[in-house]
Amino acid sequence: MELKNQTAVSKFHLLGLTDNHKLLPLIFAMFLSMYLITVLGNLTIIVAITSASQPHTPMYLFLSVLSINDICYSTVTIPKMLVSIQAHDDIISYIECLSQICFLSIFGVMENFLLAVMAYDRYAAICKPLRYTVILSPVCCVLMVLFSLLISIMDALLHSLMVLRLFFCTDLEIPHFFCELAQIIKLACSDTFLNNFLIFAAAFVFGGGPVCGIVFSYIYIVSSVLRMPSSGAKHKAFSTCASHLSVVSLFYGTGLGVYITSAVTDSLRNTAMASMMYSVVPPLLNPFIYSLRNREMKEALKKLVSRLIYLM
């Protein structure tokens, strides 16, 4: 079989979600709508938090960073897909593909760590209320965000550099609407053992670590809440965690769906659809979950809307 190394490979073909060209206008309209809602929804959350006088607790700092991360996560893939559909061009250059892999890794791992940091915030607020402002001081919050970003960048660079060492076959078709690391590795004709090992190792460390942090945080939270004498206090404590638990369930639930779909089906199209749910749906729904299930966010949004109406 003829081989090409990374210096000769100049492009890949993204096959998208369907072969039916009649469905492309519908897919374009759907993804354009989802992207606009994602950007506007997350921007609204950011503006509401920064302009309001009340929600300036660490939780809302982390929520602002999560919203920025979600906008970036969606921007890495959807605009390129929309341009490809509009131009009837399924080609993505090698550099663009590698860039997508790198940035998807950064924002995917970053989301993982942010959810763990937000779980720790809920633990400190409920289990250590008297020391909450000391435990999560502004400096500590910024350091946790920067540490999460640093780890995410290191992980992404590691995977990207490992892709550079691969040799590719002449068949460079990706059954997806973006360059996914696992799909790129499947196209390689050279030995990919090290690449796959690093994926599993990174998933175990950078995925399993935050998940364990979330689980342990909520074990302590539930234990602390159950010891509260007042049912009203219990309800208030659980309600402060509802939004975060919903976002966590959505993020890891769709991720688990991708894994199960890949394991039980041989259809690459089904796997691509599952990956679409994982990469597009959480950033789309996160702002609605926080705005609809959180009383302080509702108040901040009402004040923002009132201010906009007054300016108009």
Protein backbone atom coordinates (compact mmCIF):
# COMPACT_ATOMS: atom_id res chain seq x y z
CA MET A 1 0.00 0.00 0.00
CA GLU A 2 1.24 3.44 -0.89
CA LEU A 3 2.09 5.58 2.12
CA LYS A 4 2.37 9.30 2.63
CA ASN A 5 4.00 10.89 5.63
CA GLN A 6 2.79 14.08 7.22
CA THR A 7 4.99 16.29 5.03
CA ALA A 8 3.26 14.95 1.89
CA VAL A 9 -0.30 14.92 3.27
CA SER A 10 -1.94 18.25 2.48
CA LYS A 11 -5.64 17.58 2.98
CA PHE A 12 -8.36 15.32 4.35
CA HIS A 13 -11.95 14.80 3.21
CA LEU A 14 -14.70 15.32 5.79
CA LEU A 15 -17.63 13.12 4.80
CA GLY A 16 -20.04 14.83 7.18
CA LEU A 17 -23.23 13.37 8.66
CA THR A 18 -24.97 12.22 5.50
CA ASP A 19 -24.46 11.34 1.83
CA ASN A 20 -27.87 12.72 0.92
CA HIS A 21 -27.22 16.16 -0.62
CA LYS A 22 -30.92 17.06 -0.32
CA LEU A 23 -30.53 17.08 3.46
CA LEU A 24 -27.57 19.48 3.45
CA PRO A 25 -29.68 22.71 3.49
CA LEU A 26 -31.60 21.35 6.49
CA ILE A 27 -28.36 20.38 8.26
CA PHE A 28 -26.89 23.82 7.47
CA ALA A 29 -29.93 25.61 8.91
CA MET A 30 -29.97 23.37 11.99
CA PHE A 31 -26.28 23.81 12.81
CA LEU A 32 -26.33 27.54 12.07
CA SER A 33 -29.27 27.95 14.46
CA MET A 34 -27.59 25.83 17.13
CA TYR A 35 -24.34 27.77 16.82
CA LEU A 36 -26.04 31.17 17.03
CA ILE A 37 -28.06 30.07 20.06
CA THR A 38 -24.91 28.69 21.69
CA VAL A 39 -22.97 31.92 21.20
CA LEU A 40 -25.84 34.24 22.16
CA GLY A 41 -26.85 32.13 25.15
CA ASN A 42 -23.35 31.93 26.59
CA LEU A 43 -22.64 35.61 25.86
CA THR A 44 -25.85 36.51 27.70
CA ILE A 45 -24.67 34.54 30.74
CA ILE A 46 -21.29 36.33 30.67
CA VAL A 47 -22.83 39.80 30.29
CA ALA A 48 -25.44 39.09 32.99
CA ILE A 49 -22.76 37.99 35.47
CA THR A 50 -20.33 40.82 34.75
CA SER A 51 -23.01 43.54 34.79
CA ALA A 52 -24.93 42.36 37.87
CA SER A 53 -24.02 43.51 41.36
CA GLN A 54 -24.85 40.24 43.15
CA PRO A 55 -23.56 37.06 41.45
CA HIS A 56 -19.84 37.74 41.86
CA THR A 57 -19.13 34.64 43.96
CA PRO A 58 -16.49 32.14 42.79
CA MET A 59 -19.22 29.93 41.29
CA TYR A 60 -20.15 32.69 38.84
CA LEU A 61 -16.54 33.35 37.93
CA PHE A 62 -16.25 29.67 37.01
CA LEU A 63 -19.57 29.85 35.15
CA SER A 64 -18.28 32.79 33.08
CA VAL A 65 -15.13 30.83 32.17
CA LEU A 66 -17.30 27.80 31.33
CA SER A 67 -19.42 29.94 29.00
CA ILE A 68 -16.30 31.30 27.25
CA ASN A 69 -14.99 27.74 26.93
CA ASP A 70 -18.30 26.53 25.45
CA ILE A 71 -18.27 29.30 22.82
CA CYS A 72 -14.71 28.39 21.83
CA TYR A 73 -15.51 24.66 21.83
CA SER A 74 -18.36 25.15 19.35
CA THR A 75 -16.43 27.66 17.23
CA VAL A 76 -13.66 25.15 16.56
CA THR A 77 -15.94 22.86 14.54
CA ILE A 78 -19.28 24.35 13.48
CA PRO A 79 -18.19 27.39 11.38
CA LYS A 80 -15.88 25.18 9.30
CA MET A 81 -18.72 22.73 8.78
CA LEU A 82 -21.10 25.50 7.69
CA VAL A 83 -18.57 26.90 5.21
CA SER A 84 -17.97 23.41 3.80
CA ILE A 85 -21.70 22.81 3.28
CA GLN A 86 -22.24 26.23 1.72
CA ALA A 87 -19.24 25.88 -0.62
CA HIS A 88 -19.94 22.18 -1.37
CA ASP A 89 -16.33 21.50 -0.43
CA ASP A 90 -15.49 18.66 1.97
CA ILE A 91 -11.73 19.31 2.02
CA ILE A 92 -9.90 20.35 5.17
CA SER A 93 -6.18 21.06 5.06
CA TYR A 94 -3.71 19.11 7.18
CA ILE A 95 -2.89 22.20 9.24
CA GLU A 96 -6.59 22.98 9.82
CA CYS A 97 -7.23 19.38 10.82
CA LEU A 98 -4.34 19.35 13.27
CA SER A 99 -5.50 22.69 14.68
CA GLN A 100 -8.99 21.31 15.23
CA ILE A 101 -7.58 18.31 17.09
CA CYS A 102 -5.45 20.57 19.28
CA PHE A 103 -8.17 23.09 20.17
CA LEU A 104 -10.85 20.43 20.68
CA SER A 105 -8.54 18.73 23.16
CA ILE A 106 -7.87 22.01 24.96
CA PHE A 107 -11.51 23.00 25.37
CA GLY A 108 -12.73 19.45 26.02
CA VAL A 109 -10.26 18.84 28.86
CA MET A 110 -10.81 22.38 30.12
CA GLU A 111 -14.55 21.73 30.44
CA ASN A 112 -13.77 18.55 32.36
CA PHE A 113 -11.61 20.43 34.89
CA LEU A 114 -14.03 23.36 35.17
CA LEU A 115 -16.87 21.02 36.15
CA ALA A 116 -14.61 19.51 38.84
CA VAL A 117 -13.62 22.97 40.11
CA MET A 118 -17.29 23.99 40.25
CA ALA A 119 -18.08 20.83 42.23
CA TYR A 120 -15.34 21.77 44.69
CA ASP A 121 -16.89 25.22 44.93
CA ARG A 122 -20.25 23.68 45.89
CA TYR A 123 -18.48 21.48 48.45
CA ALA A 124 -16.79 24.49 50.05
CA ALA A 125 -20.03 26.53 50.06
CA ILE A 126 -22.12 23.80 51.69
CA CYS A 127 -19.66 21.86 53.85
CA LYS A 128 -17.34 24.74 54.85
CA PRO A 129 -19.59 27.84 54.73
CA LEU A 130 -17.68 29.81 57.38
CA ARG A 131 -14.38 29.34 55.55
CA TYR A 132 -15.81 29.60 52.02
CA THR A 133 -14.33 33.00 51.18
CA VAL A 134 -10.96 31.91 52.60
CA ILE A 135 -10.83 28.56 50.79
CA LEU A 136 -11.94 30.08 47.48
CA SER A 137 -10.25 33.45 47.55
CA PRO A 138 -10.01 35.39 44.25
CA VAL A 139 -6.35 34.42 43.88
CA CYS A 140 -7.16 30.75 44.47
CA CYS A 141 -9.99 30.84 41.90
CA VAL A 142 -7.77 32.40 39.24
CA LEU A 143 -4.99 29.91 39.95
CA MET A 144 -7.39 26.96 39.60
CA VAL A 145 -8.63 28.28 36.25
CA LEU A 146 -5.07 28.89 35.00
CA PHE A 147 -3.93 25.46 36.22
CA SER A 148 -6.85 23.84 34.37
CA LEU A 149 -5.95 25.74 31.20
CA LEU A 150 -2.26 24.81 31.50
CA ILE A 151 -3.03 21.10 31.91
CA SER A 152 -5.45 21.26 28.97
CA ILE A 153 -2.85 22.90 26.70
CA MET A 154 -0.17 20.38 27.69
CA ASP A 155 -2.51 17.46 26.97
CA ALA A 156 -3.54 18.93 23.60
CA LEU A 157 0.05 19.60 22.54
CA LEU A 158 1.05 16.07 23.49
CA HIS A 159 -1.65 14.50 21.30
CA SER A 160 -0.98 16.92 18.43
CA LEU A 161 2.75 16.23 18.44
CA MET A 162 2.06 12.49 18.50
CA VAL A 163 -0.10 12.86 15.37
CA LEU A 164 2.83 14.51 13.59
CA ARG A 165 4.82 11.26 13.78
CA LEU A 166 2.17 9.22 11.95
CA PHE A 167 2.29 8.04 8.34
CA PHE A 168 -1.00 8.10 6.45
CA CYS A 169 -2.50 5.94 3.74
CA THR A 170 -3.83 7.32 0.47
CA ASP A 171 -7.42 6.95 1.69
CA LEU A 172 -7.80 10.15 3.74
CA GLU A 173 -11.57 10.26 4.20
CA ILE A 174 -12.86 11.13 7.68
CA PRO A 175 -16.46 9.92 8.31
CA HIS A 176 -17.19 12.94 10.43
CA PHE A 177 -17.93 16.68 10.23
CA PHE A 178 -14.71 17.61 12.06
CA CYS A 179 -11.25 16.17 12.65
CA GLU A 180 -11.56 13.88 15.64
CA LEU A 181 -8.34 12.49 17.12
CA ALA A 182 -9.54 8.87 17.17
CA GLN A 183 -10.65 9.03 13.52
CA ILE A 184 -7.33 10.51 12.39
CA ILE A 185 -5.41 7.75 14.17
CA LYS A 186 -7.54 5.12 12.40
CA LEU A 187 -6.38 6.52 9.03
CA ALA A 188 -2.70 6.01 9.91
CA CYS A 189 -0.78 3.16 8.31
CA SER A 190 2.09 3.34 10.79
CA ASP A 191 2.09 1.90 14.29
CA THR A 192 -0.46 3.75 16.46
CA PHE A 193 0.04 1.83 19.71
CA LEU A 194 1.70 4.79 21.44
CA ASN A 195 -0.99 7.20 20.27
CA ASN A 196 -3.80 4.97 21.52
CA PHE A 197 -1.98 4.34 24.79
CA LEU A 198 -1.62 8.08 25.38
CA ILE A 199 -5.33 8.62 24.64
CA PHE A 200 -6.32 6.05 27.25
CA ALA A 201 -3.73 7.32 29.73
CA ALA A 202 -4.85 10.93 29.28
CA ALA A 203 -8.52 9.92 29.56
CA PHE A 204 -7.74 8.05 32.78
CA VAL A 205 -5.76 10.90 34.35
CA PHE A 206 -7.40 14.04 32.92
CA GLY A 207 -10.88 12.51 32.68
CA GLY A 208 -10.94 10.15 35.62
CA GLY A 209 -9.30 12.63 38.00
CA PRO A 210 -11.96 15.35 37.63
CA VAL A 211 -14.75 12.74 37.70
CA CYS A 212 -13.42 11.37 41.00
CA GLY A 213 -13.21 14.94 42.32
CA ILE A 214 -16.86 15.54 41.38
CA VAL A 215 -18.01 12.25 42.93
CA PHE A 216 -16.12 12.78 46.20
CA SER A 217 -17.33 16.40 46.41
CA TYR A 218 -20.94 15.31 46.15
CA ILE A 219 -20.47 12.44 48.61
CA TYR A 220 -19.37 15.01 51.19
CA ILE A 221 -22.14 17.40 50.11
CA VAL A 222 -24.88 14.77 50.47
CA SER A 223 -23.46 13.64 53.81
CA SER A 224 -23.38 17.22 55.09
CA VAL A 225 -26.88 18.04 53.82
CA LEU A 226 -28.44 14.95 55.39
CA ARG A 227 -27.13 16.09 58.78
CA MET A 228 -28.94 19.43 58.49
CA PRO A 229 -31.88 19.61 60.92
CA SER A 230 -34.10 21.83 58.78
CA SER A 231 -35.83 20.51 55.66
CA GLY A 232 -35.78 24.02 54.26
CA ALA A 233 -31.99 24.18 54.62
CA LYS A 234 -31.71 20.79 52.92
CA HIS A 235 -33.85 21.96 50.01
CA LYS A 236 -31.85 25.18 49.62
CA ALA A 237 -28.54 23.29 49.70
CA PHE A 238 -29.66 20.78 47.08
CA SER A 239 -31.16 23.50 44.89
CA THR A 240 -27.78 25.29 44.74
CA CYS A 241 -26.29 22.10 43.28
CA ALA A 242 -29.11 21.33 40.83
CA SER A 243 -27.76 23.38 37.91
CA HIS A 244 -24.24 22.02 38.24
CA LEU A 245 -25.48 18.43 38.53
CA SER A 246 -27.59 18.92 35.40
CA VAL A 247 -24.60 20.23 33.43
CA VAL A 248 -22.39 17.40 34.71
CA SER A 249 -25.01 14.81 33.76
CA LEU A 250 -25.36 16.32 30.28
CA PHE A 251 -21.61 16.48 29.63
CA TYR A 252 -20.72 13.00 30.86
CA GLY A 253 -23.99 11.47 29.69
CA THR A 254 -23.40 12.51 26.07
CA GLY A 255 -19.75 11.42 26.39
CA LEU A 256 -20.87 8.00 27.62
CA GLY A 257 -23.31 7.88 24.71
CA VAL A 258 -20.44 8.37 22.25
CA TYR A 259 -18.46 5.55 23.89
CA ILE A 260 -21.42 3.13 23.91
CA THR A 261 -22.34 3.98 20.31
CA SER A 262 -18.76 3.35 19.17
CA ALA A 263 -18.69 0.03 21.04
CA VAL A 264 -22.01 -1.44 19.88
CA THR A 265 -22.24 -0.22 16.28
CA ASP A 266 -20.05 -0.55 13.21
CA SER A 267 -21.74 2.41 11.53
CA LEU A 268 -19.36 5.34 11.30
CA ARG A 269 -22.32 7.64 10.58
CA ASN A 270 -23.95 6.67 13.89
CA THR A 271 -20.67 7.34 15.69
CA ALA A 272 -20.45 10.74 13.98
CA MET A 273 -24.01 11.57 15.09
CA ALA A 274 -23.17 10.58 18.66
CA SER A 275 -20.03 12.74 18.58
CA MET A 276 -22.13 15.62 17.28
CA MET A 277 -24.37 15.30 20.33
CA TYR A 278 -21.31 15.35 22.59
CA SER A 279 -19.58 18.32 20.97
CA VAL A 280 -22.58 20.52 20.12
CA VAL A 281 -25.41 19.86 22.58
CA PRO A 282 -23.73 20.59 25.98
CA PRO A 283 -22.46 24.07 24.97
CA LEU A 284 -25.92 24.77 23.55
CA LEU A 285 -27.89 23.77 26.66
CA ASN A 286 -25.54 24.84 29.48
CA PRO A 287 -26.65 28.52 29.55
CA PHE A 288 -30.32 27.49 29.60
CA ILE A 289 -29.75 25.05 32.44
CA TYR A 290 -28.06 27.69 34.57
CA SER A 291 -30.49 30.47 33.70
CA LEU A 292 -33.64 28.40 34.26
CA ARG A 293 -32.60 26.48 37.38
CA ASN A 294 -30.71 29.15 39.30
CA ARG A 295 -32.58 31.92 41.15
CA GLU A 296 -29.65 34.37 41.23
CA MET A 297 -29.04 33.91 37.51
CA LYS A 298 -32.73 34.55 36.82
CA GLU A 299 -32.52 37.80 38.78
CA ALA A 300 -29.34 38.84 36.96
CA LEU A 301 -30.95 38.12 33.58
CA LYS A 302 -34.09 40.08 34.51
CA LYS A 303 -31.95 43.08 35.48
CA LEU A 304 -29.99 42.79 32.22
CA VAL A 305 -33.19 42.65 30.14
CA SER A 306 -34.66 45.61 32.06
CA ARG A 307 -31.47 47.60 31.46
CA LEU A 308 -31.53 46.81 27.73
CA ILE A 309 -35.20 47.78 27.45
CA TYR A 310 -34.46 51.05 29.26
CA LEU A 311 -31.59 51.82 26.86
CA MET A 312 -33.80 51.16 23.87
